[in-house]
Protein backbone atom coordinates (compact mmCIF):
# COMPACT_ATOMS: atom_id res chain seq x y z
CA UNK A 1 98.28 103.98 126.30
CA UNK A 2 98.87 105.81 123.22
CA UNK A 3 96.71 106.57 119.87
CA UNK A 4 98.28 104.49 117.08
CA UNK A 5 97.39 104.47 113.97
CA UNK A 6 98.05 101.97 111.20
CA UNK A 7 97.64 102.15 107.29
CA UNK A 8 97.48 99.18 105.22
CA UNK A 9 97.16 98.64 101.50
CA UNK A 10 98.18 96.83 98.16
CA UNK A 11 100.02 93.50 99.36
CA UNK A 12 99.92 94.12 102.50
CA UNK A 13 96.38 92.99 102.67
CA UNK A 14 96.52 91.26 98.95
CA UNK A 15 95.57 87.52 100.41
CA UNK A 16 94.10 85.80 103.48
CA UNK A 17 96.83 84.93 105.19
CA UNK A 18 98.81 88.97 105.02
CA UNK A 19 95.23 90.32 105.88
CA UNK A 20 95.59 87.68 108.91
CA UNK A 21 99.11 89.25 109.81
CA UNK A 22 97.42 92.41 110.08
CA UNK A 23 95.10 91.62 112.06
CA UNK A 24 97.16 89.99 114.70
CA UNK A 25 99.99 93.23 114.21
CA UNK A 26 96.70 95.14 115.60
CA UNK A 27 95.58 92.74 118.62
CA UNK A 28 99.21 93.40 119.49
CA UNK A 29 98.75 97.03 119.56
CA UNK A 30 95.00 96.26 121.24
CA UNK A 31 96.63 93.91 123.78
CA UNK A 32 98.86 96.50 125.37
CA UNK A 33 96.33 98.89 125.71
CA UNK A 34 96.56 100.84 122.99
CA UNK A 35 94.04 103.01 120.57
CA UNK A 36 94.40 101.58 117.33
CA UNK A 37 92.77 103.29 113.89
CA UNK A 38 93.33 101.35 110.99
CA UNK A 39 93.06 102.52 107.77
CA UNK A 40 92.58 100.15 104.76
CA UNK A 41 93.14 100.96 101.29
CA UNK A 42 92.18 98.91 98.07
CA UNK A 43 94.54 95.21 97.97
CA UNK A 44 96.74 94.84 95.14
CA UNK A 45 95.54 95.10 91.81
CA UNK A 46 92.44 96.57 92.41
CA UNK A 47 93.27 100.59 92.12
CA UNK A 48 94.17 99.68 88.63
CA UNK A 49 90.80 97.92 88.37
CA UNK A 50 88.77 100.06 89.26
CA UNK A 51 90.76 102.63 87.21
CA UNK A 52 89.81 100.36 84.02
CA UNK A 53 85.99 100.26 85.00
CA UNK A 54 85.62 103.93 85.51
CA UNK A 55 87.60 104.26 82.32
CA UNK A 56 85.02 101.85 80.34
CA UNK A 57 81.83 103.77 81.56
CA UNK A 58 82.81 106.67 79.48
CA UNK A 59 86.61 106.90 78.11
CA UNK A 60 86.15 110.68 76.49
CA UNK A 61 84.01 112.50 79.21
CA UNK A 62 87.11 112.97 82.83
CA UNK A 63 84.00 114.01 85.53
CA UNK A 64 85.81 115.24 88.69
CA UNK A 65 85.66 112.12 90.51
CA UNK A 66 86.82 110.58 87.40
CA UNK A 67 90.31 113.00 87.34
CA UNK A 68 90.57 112.83 91.31
CA UNK A 69 90.54 108.77 91.35
CA UNK A 70 93.06 108.87 88.30
CA UNK A 71 95.64 111.29 90.21
CA UNK A 72 98.03 108.95 91.76
């Protein structure tokens, strides 16, 4: 038995079909008896949308949180 860490984001979770494929991959490892940690980041296009929202709150002030969000 192993500890498996998997990270998914962007287009790999960008549609219901892609999310299903990720779930099936995770299940295969679990079925083999492995422990699985899954990290999921934003779906395709969501990071850009969130940055635009953050800029819309106060486009002239760059807070520490906004700097972190905008640093990619």
